[in-house]
């Protein structure tokens, strides 16, 4: 069975207050994107990597990331799109006719072999899974004026991470239907790949434990925390 990882590196990260895209900022001297690519490179059941980035960064990624650090599994560096789901779709097209697809945000540097192994076991059993962790804090649902209207049961709430992993045929079919709907001018609110599968198919998505350290680099505070995690590794 062939498994392909799609690593997304097309975002600009405006909340980082930096002229450098967040995936190219340094943690212990290595770009943020290096860490997740390394996790997939070392994973024995990942056969290929598709790196999705902005049109202006394709050459940079190829030379300064893939070639510089010797990522042999990165078979393609492709251009992403305006929205996240456009970038994922381009990655899916590049991945071709594979059996399983692992979709991961390049701004999550602390992907571990243990997370990947749990995800593999889960997708084999359930066809679709997303990595996440149970929330630690009480969550409030607000109205339009920021007054509390509901307190969901915390024991059933998860904060969702990546990778999100699917049978290849399933995620290809789900994204094809999404693109058809968007092409017809329909509004389809999706914020992650699980929502695409949830809305476009009848397949349930399994929640699979990730790691609280599997953070996404979004703000300068996240980068400081990442430095601490990297020191402990």
Protein backbone atom coordinates (compact mmCIF):
# COMPACT_ATOMS: atom_id res chain seq x y z
CA UNK A 1 0.00 0.00 0.00
CA UNK A 2 1.25 3.45 -0.92
CA UNK A 3 1.00 6.32 1.56
CA UNK A 4 1.67 9.95 0.65
CA UNK A 5 2.10 12.89 3.02
CA UNK A 6 0.89 16.31 1.92
CA UNK A 7 2.70 19.03 3.87
CA UNK A 8 1.11 22.47 3.65
CA UNK A 9 3.47 25.43 3.60
CA UNK A 10 1.53 28.03 1.65
CA UNK A 11 0.37 30.27 4.52
CA UNK A 12 1.87 33.66 5.29
CA UNK A 13 1.17 33.74 9.03
CA UNK A 14 0.17 37.38 9.46
CA UNK A 15 -0.17 36.98 13.23
CA UNK A 16 3.56 36.31 13.57
CA UNK A 17 4.35 40.00 12.89
CA UNK A 18 7.23 38.90 10.69
CA UNK A 19 8.24 39.47 7.07
CA UNK A 20 9.28 35.80 6.95
CA UNK A 21 6.52 33.19 6.55
CA UNK A 22 6.12 31.24 9.78
CA UNK A 23 7.11 27.91 8.24
CA UNK A 24 10.56 29.32 7.41
CA UNK A 25 11.29 30.86 10.81
CA UNK A 26 14.04 29.09 12.74
CA UNK A 27 13.82 26.77 15.73
CA UNK A 28 17.28 25.84 16.99
CA UNK A 29 18.76 26.84 13.65
CA UNK A 30 16.36 24.80 11.49
CA UNK A 31 13.27 26.11 9.63
CA UNK A 32 9.93 25.20 11.21
CA UNK A 33 9.02 23.19 8.08
CA UNK A 34 12.18 21.06 8.47
CA UNK A 35 10.80 19.34 11.55
CA UNK A 36 7.59 17.96 10.05
CA UNK A 37 9.33 17.02 6.81
CA UNK A 38 11.92 15.16 8.85
CA UNK A 39 9.20 13.25 10.71
CA UNK A 40 7.69 12.04 7.43
CA UNK A 41 11.13 11.38 5.92
CA UNK A 42 12.00 9.07 8.80
CA UNK A 43 8.60 7.35 8.93
CA UNK A 44 8.94 3.84 7.42
CA UNK A 45 5.37 3.66 6.06
CA UNK A 46 5.35 7.05 4.31
CA UNK A 47 6.46 6.53 0.71
CA UNK A 48 6.35 10.05 -0.73
CA UNK A 49 5.91 13.66 0.34
CA UNK A 50 4.17 16.42 -1.60
CA UNK A 51 5.15 19.88 -0.38
CA UNK A 52 2.57 22.58 -1.13
CA UNK A 53 3.72 26.19 -1.00
CA UNK A 54 3.13 29.61 -2.50
CA UNK A 55 4.05 30.29 -6.11
CA UNK A 56 6.91 32.60 -5.10
CA UNK A 57 8.39 30.04 -2.69
CA UNK A 58 8.56 26.99 -4.95
CA UNK A 59 12.14 27.61 -6.03
CA UNK A 60 13.19 28.50 -2.50
CA UNK A 61 11.63 25.35 -1.06
CA UNK A 62 13.22 23.15 -3.68
CA UNK A 63 16.71 24.55 -3.22
CA UNK A 64 16.87 25.74 0.40
CA UNK A 65 14.71 23.09 2.03
CA UNK A 66 14.45 19.92 -0.07
CA UNK A 67 17.93 19.92 -1.62
CA UNK A 68 19.78 21.59 1.24
CA UNK A 69 18.56 19.10 3.84
CA UNK A 70 18.41 16.08 1.54
CA UNK A 71 14.73 15.17 1.73
CA UNK A 72 14.60 12.22 -0.64
CA UNK A 73 10.90 11.48 -0.16
CA UNK A 74 9.80 14.93 -1.36
CA UNK A 75 8.86 14.05 -4.93
CA UNK A 76 7.01 17.25 -5.80
CA UNK A 77 6.85 20.88 -4.70
CA UNK A 78 3.58 22.30 -5.98
CA UNK A 79 1.77 25.62 -5.89
CA UNK A 80 -1.06 26.02 -3.41
CA UNK A 81 -4.19 28.14 -3.73
CA UNK A 82 -6.02 31.07 -2.20
CA UNK A 83 -7.62 29.09 0.64
CA UNK A 84 -6.36 26.12 2.61
CA UNK A 85 -8.75 23.74 0.86
CA UNK A 86 -7.42 24.89 -2.53
CA UNK A 87 -3.89 24.02 -1.40
CA UNK A 88 -4.97 20.63 -0.09
CA UNK A 89 -6.73 19.89 -3.37
CA UNK A 90 -3.58 20.68 -5.34
CA UNK A 91 -1.67 18.35 -3.04
CA UNK A 92 -4.23 15.58 -3.53
CA UNK A 93 -3.98 15.93 -7.31
CA UNK A 94 -0.18 15.72 -7.08
CA UNK A 95 -0.35 12.68 -4.78
CA UNK A 96 -2.11 10.70 -7.49
CA UNK A 97 -3.60 7.25 -7.07
CA UNK A 98 -2.26 6.32 -3.63
CA UNK A 99 -3.93 4.26 -0.90
CA UNK A 100 -3.61 6.67 2.04
CA UNK A 101 -3.05 10.41 2.33
CA UNK A 102 -1.66 12.14 5.42
CA UNK A 103 -2.42 15.90 5.39
CA UNK A 104 -0.26 17.95 7.75
CA UNK A 105 0.28 21.64 8.49
CA UNK A 106 3.94 22.51 7.96
CA UNK A 107 3.67 24.93 10.87
CA UNK A 108 3.27 22.00 13.32
CA UNK A 109 6.91 21.04 13.91
CA UNK A 110 6.51 18.50 16.70
CA UNK A 111 5.02 15.61 14.78
CA UNK A 112 6.29 12.37 16.27
CA UNK A 113 6.60 8.81 15.10
CA UNK A 114 4.17 7.79 17.84
CA UNK A 115 1.50 10.16 16.51
CA UNK A 116 1.99 8.82 13.00
CA UNK A 117 1.75 5.22 14.17
CA UNK A 118 -1.51 5.88 16.04
CA UNK A 119 -2.89 7.66 12.98
CA UNK A 120 -1.94 4.77 10.74
CA UNK A 121 -3.68 2.22 12.96
CA UNK A 122 -6.76 4.44 13.17
CA UNK A 123 -7.11 5.07 9.43
CA UNK A 124 -6.68 1.37 8.67
CA UNK A 125 -9.58 0.62 11.03
CA UNK A 126 -11.83 3.61 10.30
CA UNK A 127 -10.99 4.93 6.79
CA UNK A 128 -10.73 8.52 8.11
CA UNK A 129 -9.14 9.97 11.23
CA UNK A 130 -7.92 13.24 12.65
CA UNK A 131 -5.31 13.76 15.31
CA UNK A 132 -6.32 15.85 18.31
CA UNK A 133 -6.41 16.08 22.08
CA UNK A 134 -9.18 16.51 24.64
CA UNK A 135 -9.49 20.14 25.70
CA UNK A 136 -8.18 21.12 29.14
CA UNK A 137 -10.20 24.28 29.64
CA UNK A 138 -13.89 24.98 30.00
CA UNK A 139 -15.30 26.21 26.69
CA UNK A 140 -18.09 28.80 26.42
CA UNK A 141 -20.33 29.40 23.42
CA UNK A 142 -21.17 33.09 22.99
CA UNK A 143 -23.83 35.09 21.25
CA UNK A 144 -23.17 37.96 18.84
CA UNK A 145 -22.58 40.33 21.77
CA UNK A 146 -20.12 38.03 23.58
CA UNK A 147 -22.51 36.91 26.29
CA UNK A 148 -22.35 33.26 27.34
CA UNK A 149 -25.20 31.19 25.98
CA UNK A 150 -23.95 27.65 26.48
CA UNK A 151 -21.23 25.63 28.19
CA UNK A 152 -20.57 22.41 26.22
CA UNK A 153 -19.60 19.25 28.07
CA UNK A 154 -15.81 19.47 28.20
CA UNK A 155 -15.42 15.69 28.30
CA UNK A 156 -16.61 15.52 24.67
CA UNK A 157 -14.57 18.40 23.26
CA UNK A 158 -11.31 17.97 21.36
CA UNK A 159 -8.83 20.46 19.97
CA UNK A 160 -8.01 19.29 16.47
CA UNK A 161 -4.46 18.97 15.16
CA UNK A 162 -2.85 17.42 12.12
CA UNK A 163 -2.11 15.08 10.47
CA UNK A 164 -5.56 14.25 9.21
CA UNK A 165 -5.45 10.90 7.46
CA UNK A 166 -7.79 9.31 4.92
CA UNK A 167 -8.12 6.54 2.42
CA UNK A 168 -6.90 8.01 -0.83
CA UNK A 169 -10.06 7.27 -2.80
CA UNK A 170 -12.23 8.73 -0.01
CA UNK A 171 -10.45 12.08 0.29
CA UNK A 172 -10.14 12.42 -3.49
CA UNK A 173 -13.89 11.89 -3.89
CA UNK A 174 -14.74 14.27 -1.04
CA UNK A 175 -12.54 17.07 -2.37
CA UNK A 176 -13.81 16.58 -5.92
CA UNK A 177 -17.37 17.08 -4.66
CA UNK A 178 -16.28 20.15 -2.68
CA UNK A 179 -14.68 21.71 -5.75
CA UNK A 180 -17.80 20.99 -7.80
CA UNK A 181 -19.95 22.70 -5.17
CA UNK A 182 -17.68 25.73 -5.04
CA UNK A 183 -17.66 25.84 -8.83
CA UNK A 184 -21.44 26.13 -8.76
CA UNK A 185 -21.11 29.15 -6.49
CA UNK A 186 -22.25 27.35 -3.34
CA UNK A 187 -20.94 28.43 0.05
CA UNK A 188 -19.38 25.48 1.85
CA UNK A 189 -17.95 26.40 5.28
CA UNK A 190 -14.99 24.08 5.87
CA UNK A 191 -11.98 24.74 8.08
CA UNK A 192 -10.26 21.37 7.93
CA UNK A 193 -10.17 18.19 5.88
CA UNK A 194 -12.38 16.28 8.30
CA UNK A 195 -15.21 18.73 7.61
CA UNK A 196 -14.86 18.05 3.88
CA UNK A 197 -15.31 14.32 4.46
CA UNK A 198 -18.13 14.95 6.97
CA UNK A 199 -20.08 17.17 4.57
CA UNK A 200 -19.35 15.43 1.27
CA UNK A 201 -19.56 11.75 2.29
CA UNK A 202 -21.32 9.53 4.81
CA UNK A 203 -18.07 8.32 6.39
CA UNK A 204 -17.51 9.15 10.06
CA UNK A 205 -14.13 10.59 11.07
CA UNK A 206 -12.39 8.98 14.04
CA UNK A 207 -10.73 11.19 16.66
CA UNK A 208 -7.24 9.89 17.42
CA UNK A 209 -4.95 11.07 20.21
CA UNK A 210 -2.09 13.29 19.17
CA UNK A 211 0.06 15.16 21.68
CA UNK A 212 -0.31 18.44 23.56
CA UNK A 213 3.15 19.34 22.26
CA UNK A 214 1.94 19.05 18.67
CA UNK A 215 1.32 22.80 18.56
CA UNK A 216 0.83 25.02 15.53
CA UNK A 217 3.17 27.99 15.20
CA UNK A 218 0.77 30.93 14.83
CA UNK A 219 2.00 33.74 17.11
CA UNK A 220 5.39 34.85 18.50
CA UNK A 221 4.46 33.20 21.80
CA UNK A 222 4.13 29.86 20.01
CA UNK A 223 7.64 30.23 18.63
CA UNK A 224 9.03 30.78 22.14
CA UNK A 225 7.22 27.67 23.36
CA UNK A 226 8.56 25.73 20.39
CA UNK A 227 12.10 26.69 21.34
CA UNK A 228 11.52 25.18 24.79
CA UNK A 229 10.10 21.97 23.34
CA UNK A 230 13.02 21.69 20.94
CA UNK A 231 15.51 22.12 23.77
CA UNK A 232 13.88 19.25 25.67
CA UNK A 233 13.81 16.92 22.66
